[in-house]
């Protein structure tokens, strides 16, 4: 859809990629890797996978998404990885002079 509208696409993120249970075991509830495969055909970068964490939903719904980087270390690491990859893509686009702008305050 974005390509049909000529909207710039920075890449694809796999949301709800996996679930980490209380025992620390990873569960692929919806399967895994579909976003990476979807990114291949249109030659888009895969930006990363975000796991399912109740904390992520609670903090985001409360308008406090910054807390997702301060709580569970596994969630913080996954989000940090995606944000760093996305920031790199934005920097590349900005250097080309035709990309979106990201302002973090």
PDB file of N, CA and C in Angstrom:
ATOM      1  N   UNK A   1       0.821  -1.187   0.000  1.00  0.00           N
ATOM      2  CA  UNK A   1       0.000   0.000   0.000  1.00  0.00           C
ATOM      3  C   UNK A   1       0.872   1.261   0.000  1.00  0.00           C
ATOM      4  N   UNK A   2       1.901   1.292   0.852  1.00  0.00           N
ATOM      5  CA  UNK A   2       2.740   2.479   0.938  1.00  0.00           C
ATOM      6  C   UNK A   2       3.484   2.726  -0.364  1.00  0.00           C
ATOM      7  N   UNK A   3       3.922   1.653  -0.998  1.00  0.00           N
ATOM      8  CA  UNK A   3       4.630   1.807  -2.262  1.00  0.00           C
ATOM      9  C   UNK A   3       3.695   2.326  -3.345  1.00  0.00           C
ATOM     10  N   UNK A   4       2.449   1.889  -3.342  1.00  0.00           N
ATOM     11  CA  UNK A   4       1.471   2.374  -4.314  1.00  0.00           C
ATOM     12  C   UNK A   4       1.210   3.866  -4.131  1.00  0.00           C
ATOM     13  N   UNK A   5       1.305   4.340  -2.902  1.00  0.00           N
ATOM     14  CA  UNK A   5       1.074   5.754  -2.609  1.00  0.00           C
ATOM     15  C   UNK A   5       2.368   6.566  -2.670  1.00  0.00           C
ATOM     16  N   UNK A   6       3.465   5.892  -2.985  1.00  0.00           N
ATOM     17  CA  UNK A   6       4.786   6.523  -3.049  1.00  0.00           C
ATOM     18  C   UNK A   6       5.192   7.128  -1.705  1.00  0.00           C
ATOM     19  N   UNK A   7       4.720   6.521  -0.618  1.00  0.00           N
ATOM     20  CA  UNK A   7       5.102   6.949   0.732  1.00  0.00           C
ATOM     21  C   UNK A   7       6.408   6.249   1.099  1.00  0.00           C
ATOM     22  N   UNK A   8       7.353   6.967   1.662  1.00  0.00           N
ATOM     23  CA  UNK A   8       8.626   6.325   2.017  1.00  0.00           C
ATOM     24  C   UNK A   8       8.425   5.289   3.131  1.00  0.00           C
ATOM     25  N   UNK A   9       9.059   4.148   2.975  1.00  0.00           N
ATOM     26  CA  UNK A   9       9.001   3.085   3.968  1.00  0.00           C
ATOM     27  C   UNK A   9      10.423   2.846   4.471  1.00  0.00           C
ATOM     28  N   UNK A  10      10.622   2.984   5.758  1.00  0.00           N
ATOM     29  CA  UNK A  10      11.951   2.806   6.347  1.00  0.00           C
ATOM     30  C   UNK A  10      12.287   1.338   6.566  1.00  0.00           C
ATOM     31  N   UNK A  11      11.281   0.495   6.690  1.00  0.00           N
ATOM     32  CA  UNK A  11      11.511  -0.919   6.913  1.00  0.00           C
ATOM     33  C   UNK A  11      10.306  -1.559   7.574  1.00  0.00           C
ATOM     34  N   UNK A  12      10.477  -2.815   7.960  1.00  0.00           N
ATOM     35  CA  UNK A  12       9.389  -3.594   8.556  1.00  0.00           C
ATOM     36  C   UNK A  12       9.823  -4.083   9.936  1.00  0.00           C
ATOM     37  N   UNK A  13       8.904  -3.977  10.903  1.00  0.00           N
ATOM     38  CA  UNK A  13       9.125  -4.453  12.266  1.00  0.00           C
ATOM     39  C   UNK A  13       8.138  -5.580  12.536  1.00  0.00           C
ATOM     40  N   UNK A  14       8.618  -6.649  13.144  1.00  0.00           N
ATOM     41  CA  UNK A  14       7.725  -7.743  13.521  1.00  0.00           C
ATOM     42  C   UNK A  14       7.226  -7.482  14.936  1.00  0.00           C
ATOM     43  N   UNK A  15       5.963  -7.058  15.044  1.00  0.00           N
ATOM     44  CA  UNK A  15       5.342  -6.774  16.334  1.00  0.00           C
ATOM     45  C   UNK A  15       4.753  -8.062  16.898  1.00  0.00           C
ATOM     46  N   UNK A  16       4.743  -8.202  18.214  1.00  0.00           N
ATOM     47  CA  UNK A  16       4.246  -9.391  18.904  1.00  0.00           C
ATOM     48  C   UNK A  16       4.938 -10.640  18.344  1.00  0.00           C
ATOM     49  N   UNK A  17       6.232 -10.521  18.150  1.00  0.00           N
ATOM     50  CA  UNK A  17       7.018 -11.569  17.518  1.00  0.00           C
ATOM     51  C   UNK A  17       7.070 -12.853  18.349  1.00  0.00           C
ATOM     52  N   UNK A  18       7.177 -12.698  19.645  1.00  0.00           N
ATOM     53  CA  UNK A  18       7.270 -13.860  20.521  1.00  0.00           C
ATOM     54  C   UNK A  18       6.859 -13.447  21.923  1.00  0.00           C
ATOM     55  N   UNK A  19       6.682 -14.421  22.774  1.00  0.00           N
ATOM     56  CA  UNK A  19       6.298 -14.192  24.159  1.00  0.00           C
ATOM     57  C   UNK A  19       7.308 -14.874  25.062  1.00  0.00           C
ATOM     58  N   UNK A  20       7.777 -14.168  26.075  1.00  0.00           N
ATOM     59  CA  UNK A  20       8.687 -14.753  27.056  1.00  0.00           C
ATOM     60  C   UNK A  20       7.884 -15.020  28.320  1.00  0.00           C
ATOM     61  N   UNK A  21       7.769 -16.286  28.671  1.00  0.00           N
ATOM     62  CA  UNK A  21       6.997 -16.685  29.843  1.00  0.00           C
ATOM     63  C   UNK A  21       7.708 -16.365  31.145  1.00  0.00           C
ATOM     64  N   UNK A  22       7.008 -16.513  32.250  1.00  0.00           N
ATOM     65  CA  UNK A  22       7.592 -16.233  33.566  1.00  0.00           C
ATOM     66  C   UNK A  22       8.833 -17.089  33.851  1.00  0.00           C
ATOM     67  N   UNK A  23       8.910 -18.239  33.178  1.00  0.00           N
ATOM     68  CA  UNK A  23      10.063 -19.123  33.378  1.00  0.00           C
ATOM     69  C   UNK A  23      11.249 -18.737  32.498  1.00  0.00           C
ATOM     70  N   UNK A  24      11.066 -17.668  31.689  1.00  0.00           N
ATOM     71  CA  UNK A  24      12.136 -17.210  30.810  1.00  0.00           C
ATOM     72  C   UNK A  24      12.172 -17.904  29.461  1.00  0.00           C
ATOM     73  N   UNK A  25      11.276 -18.854  29.254  1.00  0.00           N
ATOM     74  CA  UNK A  25      11.228 -19.602  28.001  1.00  0.00           C
ATOM     75  C   UNK A  25      10.494 -18.785  26.927  1.00  0.00           C
ATOM     76  N   UNK A  26      11.030 -18.813  25.706  1.00  0.00           N
ATOM     77  CA  UNK A  26      10.441 -18.066  24.594  1.00  0.00           C
ATOM     78  C   UNK A  26       9.420 -18.933  23.859  1.00  0.00           C
ATOM     79  N   UNK A  27       8.259 -18.338  23.568  1.00  0.00           N
ATOM     80  CA  UNK A  27       7.186 -19.036  22.857  1.00  0.00           C
ATOM     81  C   UNK A  27       6.829 -18.235  21.600  1.00  0.00           C
ATOM     82  N   UNK A  28       6.803 -18.910  20.466  1.00  0.00           N
ATOM     83  CA  UNK A  28       6.408 -18.282  19.200  1.00  0.00           C
ATOM     84  C   UNK A  28       4.926 -18.548  18.957  1.00  0.00           C
ATOM     85  N   UNK A  29       4.084 -17.747  19.583  1.00  0.00           N
ATOM     86  CA  UNK A  29       2.641 -17.966  19.561  1.00  0.00           C
ATOM     87  C   UNK A  29       2.067 -17.824  18.148  1.00  0.00           C
ATOM     88  N   UNK A  30       2.498 -16.816  17.417  1.00  0.00           N
ATOM     89  CA  UNK A  30       1.963 -16.556  16.081  1.00  0.00           C
ATOM     90  C   UNK A  30       2.912 -17.010  14.983  1.00  0.00           C
ATOM     91  N   UNK A  31       3.930 -17.755  15.333  1.00  0.00           N
ATOM     92  CA  UNK A  31       4.975 -18.066  14.369  1.00  0.00           C
ATOM     93  C   UNK A  31       5.989 -16.936  14.427  1.00  0.00           C
ATOM     94  N   UNK A  32       7.077 -17.129  13.721  1.00  0.00           N
ATOM     95  CA  UNK A  32       8.129 -16.114  13.799  1.00  0.00           C
ATOM     96  C   UNK A  32       8.831 -16.024  12.453  1.00  0.00           C
ATOM     97  N   UNK A  33       9.258 -14.833  12.104  1.00  0.00           N
ATOM     98  CA  UNK A  33      10.009 -14.661  10.869  1.00  0.00           C
ATOM     99  C   UNK A  33       9.187 -14.189   9.697  1.00  0.00           C
ATOM    100  N   UNK A  34       7.891 -14.045   9.868  1.00  0.00           N
ATOM    101  CA  UNK A  34       7.030 -13.602   8.768  1.00  0.00           C
ATOM    102  C   UNK A  34       7.360 -12.199   8.287  1.00  0.00           C
ATOM    103  N   UNK A  35       7.714 -11.326   9.196  1.00  0.00           N
ATOM    104  CA  UNK A  35       8.051  -9.947   8.813  1.00  0.00           C
ATOM    105  C   UNK A  35       9.348  -9.910   8.023  1.00  0.00           C
ATOM    106  N   UNK A  36      10.302 -10.752   8.392  1.00  0.00           N
ATOM    107  CA  UNK A  36      11.561 -10.809   7.632  1.00  0.00           C
ATOM    108  C   UNK A  36      11.305 -11.275   6.208  1.00  0.00           C
ATOM    109  N   UNK A  37      10.447 -12.261   6.056  1.00  0.00           N
ATOM    110  CA  UNK A  37      10.104 -12.746   4.716  1.00  0.00           C
ATOM    111  C   UNK A  37       9.347 -11.671   3.932  1.00  0.00           C
ATOM    112  N   UNK A  38       8.439 -10.969   4.605  1.00  0.00           N
ATOM    113  CA  UNK A  38       7.675  -9.913   3.942  1.00  0.00           C
ATOM    114  C   UNK A  38       8.572  -8.772   3.490  1.00  0.00           C
ATOM    115  N   UNK A  39       9.649  -8.540   4.198  1.00  0.00           N
ATOM    116  CA  UNK A  39      10.573  -7.454   3.849  1.00  0.00           C
ATOM    117  C   UNK A  39      11.423  -7.799   2.631  1.00  0.00           C
ATOM    118  N   UNK A  40      11.640  -9.082   2.380  1.00  0.00           N
ATOM    119  CA  UNK A  40      12.513  -9.493   1.291  1.00  0.00           C
ATOM    120  C   UNK A  40      11.964  -9.126  -0.092  1.00  0.00           C
ATOM    121  N   UNK A  41      10.702  -9.412  -0.333  1.00  0.00           N
ATOM    122  CA  UNK A  41      10.135  -9.226  -1.678  1.00  0.00           C
ATOM    123  C   UNK A  41      10.236  -7.785  -2.172  1.00  0.00           C
ATOM    124  N   UNK A  42       9.817  -6.796  -1.380  1.00  0.00           N
ATOM    125  CA  UNK A  42       9.951  -5.414  -1.854  1.00  0.00           C
ATOM    126  C   UNK A  42      11.319  -4.804  -1.540  1.00  0.00           C
ATOM    127  N   UNK A  43      12.267  -5.638  -1.095  1.00  0.00           N
ATOM    128  CA  UNK A  43      13.627  -5.185  -0.757  1.00  0.00           C
ATOM    129  C   UNK A  43      13.630  -4.100   0.315  1.00  0.00           C
ATOM    130  N   UNK A  44      12.888  -4.337   1.376  1.00  0.00           N
ATOM    131  CA  UNK A  44      12.856  -3.409   2.509  1.00  0.00           C
ATOM    132  C   UNK A  44      13.693  -3.983   3.636  1.00  0.00           C
ATOM    133  N   UNK A  45      14.311  -3.137   4.434  1.00  0.00           N
ATOM    134  CA  UNK A  45      15.080  -3.664   5.562  1.00  0.00           C
ATOM    135  C   UNK A  45      14.165  -4.186   6.664  1.00  0.00           C
ATOM    136  N   UNK A  46      14.604  -5.266   7.288  1.00  0.00           N
ATOM    137  CA  UNK A  46      13.925  -5.777   8.473  1.00  0.00           C
ATOM    138  C   UNK A  46      14.530  -5.048   9.662  1.00  0.00           C
ATOM    139  N   UNK A  47      13.714  -4.312  10.405  1.00  0.00           N
ATOM    140  CA  UNK A  47      14.205  -3.458  11.479  1.00  0.00           C
ATOM    141  C   UNK A  47      14.302  -4.158  12.825  1.00  0.00           C
ATOM    142  N   UNK A  48      13.653  -5.291  12.967  1.00  0.00           N
ATOM    143  CA  UNK A  48      13.739  -6.013  14.223  1.00  0.00           C
ATOM    144  C   UNK A  48      12.414  -6.589  14.661  1.00  0.00           C
ATOM    145  N   UNK A  49      12.443  -7.254  15.808  1.00  0.00           N
ATOM    146  CA  UNK A  49      11.267  -7.926  16.364  1.00  0.00           C
ATOM    147  C   UNK A  49      10.978  -7.385  17.755  1.00  0.00           C
ATOM    148  N   UNK A  50       9.720  -7.113  17.997  1.00  0.00           N
ATOM    149  CA  UNK A  50       9.293  -6.644  19.315  1.00  0.00           C
ATOM    150  C   UNK A  50       8.473  -7.757  19.964  1.00  0.00           C
ATOM    151  N   UNK A  51       8.884  -8.216  21.141  1.00  0.00           N
ATOM    152  CA  UNK A  51       8.168  -9.300  21.815  1.00  0.00           C
ATOM    153  C   UNK A  51       6.869  -8.814  22.462  1.00  0.00           C
ATOM    154  N   UNK A  52       6.044  -9.773  22.832  1.00  0.00           N
ATOM    155  CA  UNK A  52       4.810  -9.469  23.561  1.00  0.00           C
ATOM    156  C   UNK A  52       5.136  -9.380  25.046  1.00  0.00           C
ATOM    157  N   UNK A  53       4.902  -8.229  25.620  1.00  0.00           N
ATOM    158  CA  UNK A  53       5.066  -8.029  27.058  1.00  0.00           C
ATOM    159  C   UNK A  53       3.857  -7.255  27.550  1.00  0.00           C
ATOM    160  N   UNK A  54       3.217  -7.733  28.589  1.00  0.00           N
ATOM    161  CA  UNK A  54       2.085  -7.013  29.169  1.00  0.00           C
ATOM    162  C   UNK A  54       2.514  -5.605  29.564  1.00  0.00           C
ATOM    163  N   UNK A  55       3.709  -5.490  30.079  1.00  0.00           N
ATOM    164  CA  UNK A  55       4.276  -4.207  30.514  1.00  0.00           C
ATOM    165  C   UNK A  55       4.296  -3.186  29.363  1.00  0.00           C
ATOM    166  N   UNK A  56       4.582  -3.659  28.158  1.00  0.00           N
ATOM    167  CA  UNK A  56       4.619  -2.784  26.982  1.00  0.00           C
ATOM    168  C   UNK A  56       3.248  -2.160  26.731  1.00  0.00           C
ATOM    169  N   UNK A  57       2.209  -2.986  26.794  1.00  0.00           N
ATOM    170  CA  UNK A  57       0.856  -2.483  26.586  1.00  0.00           C
ATOM    171  C   UNK A  57       0.437  -1.548  27.709  1.00  0.00           C
ATOM    172  N   UNK A  58       0.698  -1.940  28.938  1.00  0.00           N
ATOM    173  CA  UNK A  58       0.285  -1.138  30.098  1.00  0.00           C
ATOM    174  C   UNK A  58       0.951   0.238  30.056  1.00  0.00           C
ATOM    175  N   UNK A  59       2.254   0.275  29.861  1.00  0.00           N
ATOM    176  CA  UNK A  59       2.972   1.552  29.831  1.00  0.00           C
ATOM    177  C   UNK A  59       2.545   2.417  28.656  1.00  0.00           C
ATOM    178  N   UNK A  60       2.349   1.794  27.513  1.00  0.00           N
ATOM    179  CA  UNK A  60       1.947   2.552  26.324  1.00  0.00           C
ATOM    180  C   UNK A  60       0.535   3.108  26.481  1.00  0.00           C
ATOM    181  N   UNK A  61      -0.382   2.274  26.989  1.00  0.00           N
ATOM    182  CA  UNK A  61      -1.761   2.731  27.210  1.00  0.00           C
ATOM    183  C   UNK A  61      -1.824   3.856  28.236  1.00  0.00           C
ATOM    184  N   UNK A  62      -0.904   3.859  29.189  1.00  0.00           N
ATOM    185  CA  UNK A  62      -0.874   4.882  30.238  1.00  0.00           C
ATOM    186  C   UNK A  62      -0.183   6.165  29.760  1.00  0.00           C
ATOM    187  N   UNK A  63       0.284   6.164  28.506  1.00  0.00           N
ATOM    188  CA  UNK A  63       0.965   7.353  27.989  1.00  0.00           C
ATOM    189  C   UNK A  63       2.378   7.499  28.528  1.00  0.00           C
ATOM    190  N   UNK A  64       2.968   6.387  28.952  1.00  0.00           N
ATOM    191  CA  UNK A  64       4.317   6.413  29.518  1.00  0.00           C
ATOM    192  C   UNK A  64       5.216   5.391  28.823  1.00  0.00           C
ATOM    193  N   UNK A  65       5.348   5.473  27.498  1.00  0.00           N
ATOM    194  CA  UNK A  65       6.143   4.471  26.778  1.00  0.00           C
ATOM    195  C   UNK A  65       7.611   4.457  27.178  1.00  0.00           C
ATOM    196  N   UNK A  66       8.117   5.562  27.732  1.00  0.00           N
ATOM    197  CA  UNK A  66       9.518   5.595  28.174  1.00  0.00           C
ATOM    198  C   UNK A  66       9.798   4.554  29.251  1.00  0.00           C
ATOM    199  N   UNK A  67       8.774   4.170  30.009  1.00  0.00           N
ATOM    200  CA  UNK A  67       8.957   3.169  31.063  1.00  0.00           C
ATOM    201  C   UNK A  67       9.292   1.790  30.492  1.00  0.00           C
ATOM    202  N   UNK A  68       8.996   1.580  29.207  1.00  0.00           N
ATOM    203  CA  UNK A  68       9.328   0.296  28.584  1.00  0.00           C
ATOM    204  C   UNK A  68      10.836   0.093  28.486  1.00  0.00           C
ATOM    205  N   UNK A  69      11.585   1.174  28.555  1.00  0.00           N
ATOM    206  CA  UNK A  69      13.041   1.097  28.490  1.00  0.00           C
ATOM    207  C   UNK A  69      13.665   0.985  29.881  1.00  0.00           C
ATOM    208  N   UNK A  70      12.836   1.092  30.922  1.00  0.00           N
ATOM    209  CA  UNK A  70      13.345   1.107  32.288  1.00  0.00           C
ATOM    210  C   UNK A  70      12.966  -0.141  33.082  1.00  0.00           C
ATOM    211  N   UNK A  71      12.063  -0.946  32.560  1.00  0.00           N
ATOM    212  CA  UNK A  71      11.584  -2.103  33.313  1.00  0.00           C
ATOM    213  C   UNK A  71      12.331  -3.371  32.962  1.00  0.00           C
ATOM    214  N   UNK A  72      11.603  -4.307  32.384  1.00  0.00           N
ATOM    215  CA  UNK A  72      12.157  -5.619  32.035  1.00  0.00           C
ATOM    216  C   UNK A  72      13.348  -5.461  31.091  1.00  0.00           C
ATOM    217  N   UNK A  73      14.504  -5.987  31.449  1.00  0.00           N
ATOM    218  CA  UNK A  73      15.702  -5.835  30.605  1.00  0.00           C
ATOM    219  C   UNK A  73      15.542  -6.439  29.203  1.00  0.00           C
ATOM    220  N   UNK A  74      14.802  -7.551  29.085  1.00  0.00           N
ATOM    221  CA  UNK A  74      14.606  -8.172  27.773  1.00  0.00           C
ATOM    222  C   UNK A  74      13.763  -7.274  26.869  1.00  0.00           C
ATOM    223  N   UNK A  75      12.735  -6.661  27.424  1.00  0.00           N
ATOM    224  CA  UNK A  75      11.904  -5.735  26.650  1.00  0.00           C
ATOM    225  C   UNK A  75      12.716  -4.505  26.272  1.00  0.00           C
ATOM    226  N   UNK A  76      13.432  -3.949  27.220  1.00  0.00           N
ATOM    227  CA  UNK A  76      14.252  -2.759  26.949  1.00  0.00           C
ATOM    228  C   UNK A  76      15.276  -3.042  25.850  1.00  0.00           C
ATOM    229  N   UNK A  77      15.894  -4.215  25.891  1.00  0.00           N
ATOM    230  CA  UNK A  77      16.898  -4.568  24.874  1.00  0.00           C
ATOM    231  C   UNK A  77      16.269  -4.700  23.498  1.00  0.00           C
ATOM    232  N   UNK A  78      15.113  -5.347  23.411  1.00  0.00           N
ATOM    233  CA  UNK A  78      14.436  -5.520  22.121  1.00  0.00           C
ATOM    234  C   UNK A  78      14.019  -4.173  21.543  1.00  0.00           C
ATOM    235  N   UNK A  79      13.453  -3.315  22.379  1.00  0.00           N
ATOM    236  CA  UNK A  79      13.028  -1.994  21.910  1.00  0.00           C
ATOM    237  C   UNK A  79      14.225  -1.132  21.516  1.00  0.00           C
ATOM    238  N   UNK A  80      15.283  -1.190  22.309  1.00  0.00           N
ATOM    239  CA  UNK A  80      16.478  -0.405  22.010  1.00  0.00           C
ATOM    240  C   UNK A  80      17.070  -0.828  20.673  1.00  0.00           C
ATOM    241  N   UNK A  81      17.100  -2.114  20.414  1.00  0.00           N
ATOM    242  CA  UNK A  81      17.623  -2.622  19.148  1.00  0.00           C
ATOM    243  C   UNK A  81      16.818  -2.082  17.964  1.00  0.00           C
ATOM    244  N   UNK A  82      15.500  -2.143  18.072  1.00  0.00           N
ATOM    245  CA  UNK A  82      14.638  -1.655  16.990  1.00  0.00           C
ATOM    246  C   UNK A  82      14.791  -0.148  16.812  1.00  0.00           C
ATOM    247  N   UNK A  83      14.828   0.597  17.914  1.00  0.00           N
ATOM    248  CA  UNK A  83      14.958   2.053  17.842  1.00  0.00           C
ATOM    249  C   UNK A  83      16.300   2.451  17.220  1.00  0.00           C
ATOM    250  N   UNK A  84      17.373   1.766  17.596  1.00  0.00           N
ATOM    251  CA  UNK A  84      18.684   2.085  17.027  1.00  0.00           C
ATOM    252  C   UNK A  84      18.724   1.782  15.529  1.00  0.00           C
ATOM    253  N   UNK A  85      18.151   0.665  15.129  1.00  0.00           N
ATOM    254  CA  UNK A  85      18.106   0.315  13.711  1.00  0.00           C
ATOM    255  C   UNK A  85      17.268   1.327  12.946  1.00  0.00           C
ATOM    256  N   UNK A  86      16.121   1.696  13.498  1.00  0.00           N
ATOM    257  CA  UNK A  86      15.252   2.687  12.860  1.00  0.00           C
ATOM    258  C   UNK A  86      15.940   4.043  12.765  1.00  0.00           C
ATOM    259  N   UNK A  87      16.625   4.447  13.821  1.00  0.00           N
ATOM    260  CA  UNK A  87      17.347   5.728  13.801  1.00  0.00           C
ATOM    261  C   UNK A  87      18.412   5.721  12.710  1.00  0.00           C
ATOM    262  N   UNK A  88      19.081   4.596  12.529  1.00  0.00           N
ATOM    263  CA  UNK A  88      20.071   4.492  11.467  1.00  0.00           C
ATOM    264  C   UNK A  88      19.448   4.654  10.097  1.00  0.00           C
ATOM    265  N   UNK A  89      18.280   4.051   9.895  1.00  0.00           N
ATOM    266  CA  UNK A  89      17.576   4.180   8.607  1.00  0.00           C
ATOM    267  C   UNK A  89      17.139   5.630   8.379  1.00  0.00           C
ATOM    268  N   UNK A  90      16.667   6.287   9.424  1.00  0.00           N
ATOM    269  CA  UNK A  90      16.247   7.683   9.300  1.00  0.00           C
ATOM    270  C   UNK A  90      17.454   8.552   8.959  1.00  0.00           C
ATOM    271  N   UNK A  91      18.575   8.282   9.602  1.00  0.00           N
ATOM    272  CA  UNK A  91      19.791   9.052   9.303  1.00  0.00           C
ATOM    273  C   UNK A  91      20.198   8.876   7.850  1.00  0.00           C
ATOM    274  N   UNK A  92      20.132   7.663   7.346  1.00  0.00           N
ATOM    275  CA  UNK A  92      20.466   7.417   5.942  1.00  0.00           C
ATOM    276  C   UNK A  92      19.541   8.197   5.018  1.00  0.00           C
ATOM    277  N   UNK A  93      18.243   8.163   5.309  1.00  0.00           N
ATOM    278  CA  UNK A  93      17.274   8.895   4.485  1.00  0.00           C
ATOM    279  C   UNK A  93      17.527  10.400   4.546  1.00  0.00           C
ATOM    280  N   UNK A  94      17.826  10.909   5.750  1.00  0.00           N
ATOM    281  CA  UNK A  94      18.066  12.341   5.897  1.00  0.00           C
ATOM    282  C   UNK A  94      19.317  12.776   5.147  1.00  0.00           C
ATOM    283  N   UNK A  95      20.338  11.931   5.125  1.00  0.00           N
ATOM    284  CA  UNK A  95      21.543  12.258   4.375  1.00  0.00           C
ATOM    285  C   UNK A  95      21.255  12.349   2.878  1.00  0.00           C
ATOM    286  N   UNK A  96      20.278  11.570   2.435  1.00  0.00           N
ATOM    287  CA  UNK A  96      19.878  11.627   1.032  1.00  0.00           C
ATOM    288  C   UNK A  96      18.991  12.848   0.760  1.00  0.00           C
ATOM    289  N   UNK A  97      18.502  13.448   1.829  1.00  0.00           N
ATOM    290  CA  UNK A  97      17.699  14.667   1.690  1.00  0.00           C
ATOM    291  C   UNK A  97      16.252  14.455   1.294  1.00  0.00           C
ATOM    292  N   UNK A  98      15.758  13.214   1.407  1.00  0.00           N
ATOM    293  CA  UNK A  98      14.367  12.986   0.995  1.00  0.00           C
ATOM    294  C   UNK A  98      13.597  12.122   1.991  1.00  0.00           C
ATOM    295  N   UNK A  99      13.997  12.133   3.238  1.00  0.00           N
ATOM    296  CA  UNK A  99      13.359  11.249   4.196  1.00  0.00           C
ATOM    297  C   UNK A  99      12.610  11.976   5.284  1.00  0.00           C
ATOM    298  N   UNK A 100      11.914  11.196   6.119  1.00  0.00           N
ATOM    299  CA  UNK A 100      11.183  11.776   7.238  1.00  0.00           C
ATOM    300  C   UNK A 100      12.163  12.274   8.307  1.00  0.00           C
ATOM    301  N   UNK A 101      11.652  13.066   9.191  1.00  0.00           N
ATOM    302  CA  UNK A 101      12.470  13.624  10.263  1.00  0.00           C
ATOM    303  C   UNK A 101      11.982  13.051  11.587  1.00  0.00           C
ATOM    304  N   UNK A 102      12.907  12.664  12.445  1.00  0.00           N
ATOM    305  CA  UNK A 102      12.577  12.149  13.761  1.00  0.00           C
ATOM    306  C   UNK A 102      13.133  13.088  14.804  1.00  0.00           C
ATOM    307  N   UNK A 103      12.264  13.635  15.646  1.00  0.00           N
ATOM    308  CA  UNK A 103      12.687  14.518  16.734  1.00  0.00           C
ATOM    309  C   UNK A 103      12.378  13.823  18.040  1.00  0.00           C
ATOM    310  N   UNK A 104      13.387  13.650  18.862  1.00  0.00           N
ATOM    311  CA  UNK A 104      13.196  13.023  20.169  1.00  0.00           C
ATOM    312  C   UNK A 104      13.509  14.060  21.232  1.00  0.00           C
ATOM    313  N   UNK A 105      12.554  14.230  22.139  1.00  0.00           N
ATOM    314  CA  UNK A 105      12.786  15.208  23.201  1.00  0.00           C
ATOM    315  C   UNK A 105      12.651  14.577  24.550  1.00  0.00           C
TER     316      UNK A 105
END
